[in-house]
Amino acid sequence: MFCVTQMKTISLTESAYHRLASWKDGRTFSEVIERMIPPKGTIEAAFEAAEKLPSMSATDFDDLEQALNAGRQHIPSAWT
């Protein structure tokens, strides 16, 4: 059986390109996207994609948690 993969061209901003390229680690851009972005539509797909993410150091996790908490301070409460 012979399978032909159709290629598509996309445009990225310079900053989006560098962000995506930083995840390559020897992979193709397509492999990075398929690894990092879950199929749309199911929570199971999101969980499966999350399990494939690389491990995060404790310091990186703390930094991420602090950034998320700082961002939350700027979101008005929907209940007040």
N, C-alpha and C. Protein backbone atom coordinates (compact mmCIF):
# COMPACT_ATOMS: atom_id res chain seq x y z
N MET A 1 0.84 -1.17 0.00
CA MET A 1 0.00 0.00 0.00
C MET A 1 0.89 1.23 0.00
N PHE A 2 0.60 2.18 -0.85
CA PHE A 2 1.39 3.40 -0.99
C PHE A 2 0.58 4.57 -0.47
N CYS A 3 1.17 5.35 0.43
CA CYS A 3 0.46 6.48 1.05
C CYS A 3 1.18 7.78 0.67
N VAL A 4 0.42 8.73 0.14
CA VAL A 4 0.97 10.03 -0.22
C VAL A 4 0.51 11.04 0.82
N THR A 5 1.47 11.74 1.41
CA THR A 5 1.14 12.77 2.39
C THR A 5 1.12 14.11 1.68
N GLN A 6 0.01 14.80 1.81
CA GLN A 6 -0.12 16.11 1.19
C GLN A 6 0.50 17.15 2.12
N MET A 7 1.34 18.01 1.59
CA MET A 7 2.00 19.05 2.37
C MET A 7 1.23 20.36 2.22
N LYS A 8 1.21 21.15 3.28
CA LYS A 8 0.57 22.46 3.29
C LYS A 8 1.59 23.50 3.74
N THR A 9 1.44 24.71 3.29
CA THR A 9 2.28 25.82 3.70
C THR A 9 1.49 26.71 4.63
N ILE A 10 2.12 27.11 5.74
CA ILE A 10 1.47 28.03 6.68
C ILE A 10 2.39 29.22 6.90
N SER A 11 1.83 30.33 7.33
CA SER A 11 2.61 31.52 7.65
C SER A 11 2.59 31.73 9.16
N LEU A 12 3.75 32.08 9.70
CA LEU A 12 3.88 32.34 11.13
C LEU A 12 4.57 33.68 11.33
N THR A 13 4.25 34.33 12.43
CA THR A 13 5.03 35.50 12.80
C THR A 13 6.41 35.02 13.20
N GLU A 14 7.34 35.94 13.25
CA GLU A 14 8.71 35.58 13.64
C GLU A 14 8.74 34.99 15.05
N SER A 15 7.98 35.60 15.97
CA SER A 15 7.98 35.09 17.35
C SER A 15 7.32 33.71 17.44
N ALA A 16 6.25 33.47 16.67
CA ALA A 16 5.60 32.16 16.68
C ALA A 16 6.54 31.10 16.10
N TYR A 17 7.27 31.46 15.05
CA TYR A 17 8.23 30.53 14.45
C TYR A 17 9.29 30.13 15.48
N HIS A 18 9.85 31.12 16.19
CA HIS A 18 10.91 30.81 17.15
C HIS A 18 10.37 29.99 18.32
N ARG A 19 9.14 30.26 18.73
CA ARG A 19 8.54 29.48 19.82
C ARG A 19 8.37 28.03 19.38
N LEU A 20 7.85 27.80 18.18
CA LEU A 20 7.67 26.45 17.66
C LEU A 20 9.02 25.76 17.47
N ALA A 21 9.97 26.49 16.91
CA ALA A 21 11.30 25.91 16.66
C ALA A 21 11.98 25.48 17.95
N SER A 22 11.69 26.17 19.06
CA SER A 22 12.34 25.83 20.32
C SER A 22 11.90 24.45 20.83
N TRP A 23 10.80 23.92 20.32
CA TRP A 23 10.30 22.60 20.73
C TRP A 23 10.77 21.47 19.81
N LYS A 24 11.50 21.79 18.74
CA LYS A 24 11.84 20.77 17.75
C LYS A 24 12.69 19.63 18.29
N ASP A 25 13.81 19.91 18.90
CA ASP A 25 14.70 18.88 19.42
C ASP A 25 14.90 17.73 18.44
N GLY A 26 15.23 18.05 17.20
CA GLY A 26 15.50 17.04 16.19
C GLY A 26 14.27 16.52 15.47
N ARG A 27 13.09 17.00 15.85
CA ARG A 27 11.85 16.58 15.20
C ARG A 27 11.50 17.55 14.07
N THR A 28 10.57 17.14 13.23
CA THR A 28 10.05 18.05 12.22
C THR A 28 9.00 18.94 12.86
N PHE A 29 8.67 20.04 12.21
CA PHE A 29 7.61 20.91 12.72
C PHE A 29 6.29 20.14 12.82
N SER A 30 6.02 19.29 11.84
CA SER A 30 4.78 18.50 11.87
C SER A 30 4.75 17.58 13.09
N GLU A 31 5.88 16.94 13.39
CA GLU A 31 5.93 16.07 14.57
C GLU A 31 5.71 16.85 15.85
N VAL A 32 6.28 18.04 15.93
CA VAL A 32 6.10 18.88 17.12
C VAL A 32 4.63 19.25 17.28
N ILE A 33 4.01 19.69 16.21
CA ILE A 33 2.60 20.10 16.27
C ILE A 33 1.72 18.93 16.65
N GLU A 34 1.93 17.77 16.03
CA GLU A 34 1.10 16.60 16.33
C GLU A 34 1.33 16.12 17.76
N ARG A 35 2.53 16.33 18.29
CA ARG A 35 2.82 15.91 19.66
C ARG A 35 2.24 16.88 20.68
N MET A 36 2.26 18.18 20.37
CA MET A 36 1.91 19.20 21.36
C MET A 36 0.45 19.66 21.30
N ILE A 37 -0.21 19.51 20.18
CA ILE A 37 -1.57 20.03 20.04
C ILE A 37 -2.53 18.84 19.92
N PRO A 38 -3.43 18.70 20.90
CA PRO A 38 -4.35 17.56 20.86
C PRO A 38 -5.39 17.71 19.77
N PRO A 39 -5.93 16.60 19.29
CA PRO A 39 -7.04 16.68 18.36
C PRO A 39 -8.20 17.43 19.03
N LYS A 40 -8.90 18.21 18.27
CA LYS A 40 -9.98 19.02 18.80
C LYS A 40 -11.18 18.15 19.14
N GLY A 41 -11.81 18.47 20.27
CA GLY A 41 -13.10 17.88 20.51
C GLY A 41 -13.29 17.02 21.74
N THR A 42 -12.23 16.43 22.28
CA THR A 42 -12.47 15.55 23.42
C THR A 42 -11.50 15.85 24.54
N ILE A 43 -11.96 15.72 25.75
CA ILE A 43 -11.10 15.90 26.91
C ILE A 43 -10.08 14.77 26.99
N GLU A 44 -10.47 13.58 26.52
CA GLU A 44 -9.53 12.45 26.52
C GLU A 44 -8.32 12.77 25.64
N ALA A 45 -8.57 13.39 24.49
CA ALA A 45 -7.48 13.75 23.59
C ALA A 45 -6.57 14.78 24.26
N ALA A 46 -7.15 15.71 25.00
CA ALA A 46 -6.34 16.71 25.70
C ALA A 46 -5.48 16.04 26.77
N PHE A 47 -6.06 15.09 27.52
CA PHE A 47 -5.29 14.39 28.54
C PHE A 47 -4.18 13.55 27.92
N GLU A 48 -4.47 12.88 26.81
CA GLU A 48 -3.45 12.08 26.14
C GLU A 48 -2.29 12.97 25.68
N ALA A 49 -2.62 14.15 25.15
CA ALA A 49 -1.59 15.07 24.70
C ALA A 49 -0.77 15.57 25.88
N ALA A 50 -1.43 15.85 27.00
CA ALA A 50 -0.72 16.33 28.19
C ALA A 50 0.26 15.29 28.71
N GLU A 51 -0.11 14.01 28.62
CA GLU A 51 0.78 12.95 29.07
C GLU A 51 2.04 12.85 28.23
N LYS A 52 1.99 13.32 26.99
CA LYS A 52 3.13 13.25 26.09
C LYS A 52 4.08 14.43 26.24
N LEU A 53 3.69 15.44 27.03
CA LEU A 53 4.55 16.60 27.21
C LEU A 53 5.82 16.20 27.95
N PRO A 54 6.91 16.90 27.67
CA PRO A 54 8.15 16.57 28.38
C PRO A 54 8.03 16.90 29.86
N SER A 55 8.83 16.22 30.67
CA SER A 55 8.83 16.47 32.11
C SER A 55 9.30 17.89 32.38
N MET A 56 8.79 18.44 33.48
CA MET A 56 9.12 19.81 33.86
C MET A 56 9.85 19.77 35.20
N SER A 57 10.93 20.53 35.30
CA SER A 57 11.66 20.58 36.56
C SER A 57 10.80 21.28 37.61
N ALA A 58 11.13 21.08 38.86
CA ALA A 58 10.38 21.71 39.95
C ALA A 58 10.46 23.24 39.84
N THR A 59 11.62 23.74 39.44
CA THR A 59 11.78 25.19 39.29
C THR A 59 10.90 25.71 38.16
N ASP A 60 10.89 25.00 37.02
CA ASP A 60 10.04 25.42 35.90
C ASP A 60 8.57 25.36 36.29
N PHE A 61 8.18 24.33 37.04
CA PHE A 61 6.80 24.21 37.49
C PHE A 61 6.42 25.38 38.39
N ASP A 62 7.30 25.73 39.33
CA ASP A 62 7.04 26.86 40.22
C ASP A 62 6.90 28.16 39.43
N ASP A 63 7.78 28.35 38.44
CA ASP A 63 7.71 29.55 37.61
C ASP A 63 6.40 29.61 36.85
N LEU A 64 5.97 28.48 36.30
CA LEU A 64 4.70 28.42 35.57
C LEU A 64 3.53 28.72 36.49
N GLU A 65 3.55 28.13 37.67
CA GLU A 65 2.47 28.35 38.64
C GLU A 65 2.39 29.82 39.04
N GLN A 66 3.53 30.46 39.27
CA GLN A 66 3.55 31.87 39.62
C GLN A 66 3.01 32.73 38.48
N ALA A 67 3.38 32.40 37.25
CA ALA A 67 2.90 33.17 36.10
C ALA A 67 1.39 33.03 35.95
N LEU A 68 0.88 31.81 36.13
CA LEU A 68 -0.57 31.60 36.03
C LEU A 68 -1.31 32.36 37.13
N ASN A 69 -0.81 32.29 38.34
CA ASN A 69 -1.45 33.01 39.44
C ASN A 69 -1.40 34.51 39.24
N ALA A 70 -0.31 35.03 38.71
CA ALA A 70 -0.21 36.46 38.43
C ALA A 70 -1.22 36.87 37.36
N GLY A 71 -1.41 36.02 36.36
CA GLY A 71 -2.39 36.31 35.31
C GLY A 71 -3.81 36.29 35.83
N ARG A 72 -4.07 35.41 36.77
CA ARG A 72 -5.42 35.30 37.34
C ARG A 72 -5.82 36.55 38.10
N GLN A 73 -4.85 37.26 38.66
CA GLN A 73 -5.14 38.47 39.42
C GLN A 73 -5.75 39.55 38.55
N HIS A 74 -5.53 39.48 37.25
CA HIS A 74 -6.02 40.49 36.32
C HIS A 74 -7.37 40.13 35.70
N ILE A 75 -7.90 38.97 36.05
CA ILE A 75 -9.19 38.52 35.51
C ILE A 75 -10.27 38.84 36.52
N PRO A 76 -11.28 39.65 36.13
CA PRO A 76 -12.34 39.97 37.09
C PRO A 76 -13.17 38.74 37.38
N SER A 77 -13.64 38.64 38.61
CA SER A 77 -14.48 37.54 39.01
C SER A 77 -15.84 37.62 38.32
N ALA A 78 -16.32 36.52 37.81
CA ALA A 78 -17.63 36.50 37.14
C ALA A 78 -18.76 36.56 38.14
N TRP A 79 -18.46 36.36 39.42
CA TRP A 79 -19.51 36.26 40.44
C TRP A 79 -19.66 37.51 41.29
N THR A 80 -18.86 38.53 41.00
CA THR A 80 -18.99 39.74 41.81
C THR A 80 -19.50 40.90 41.01
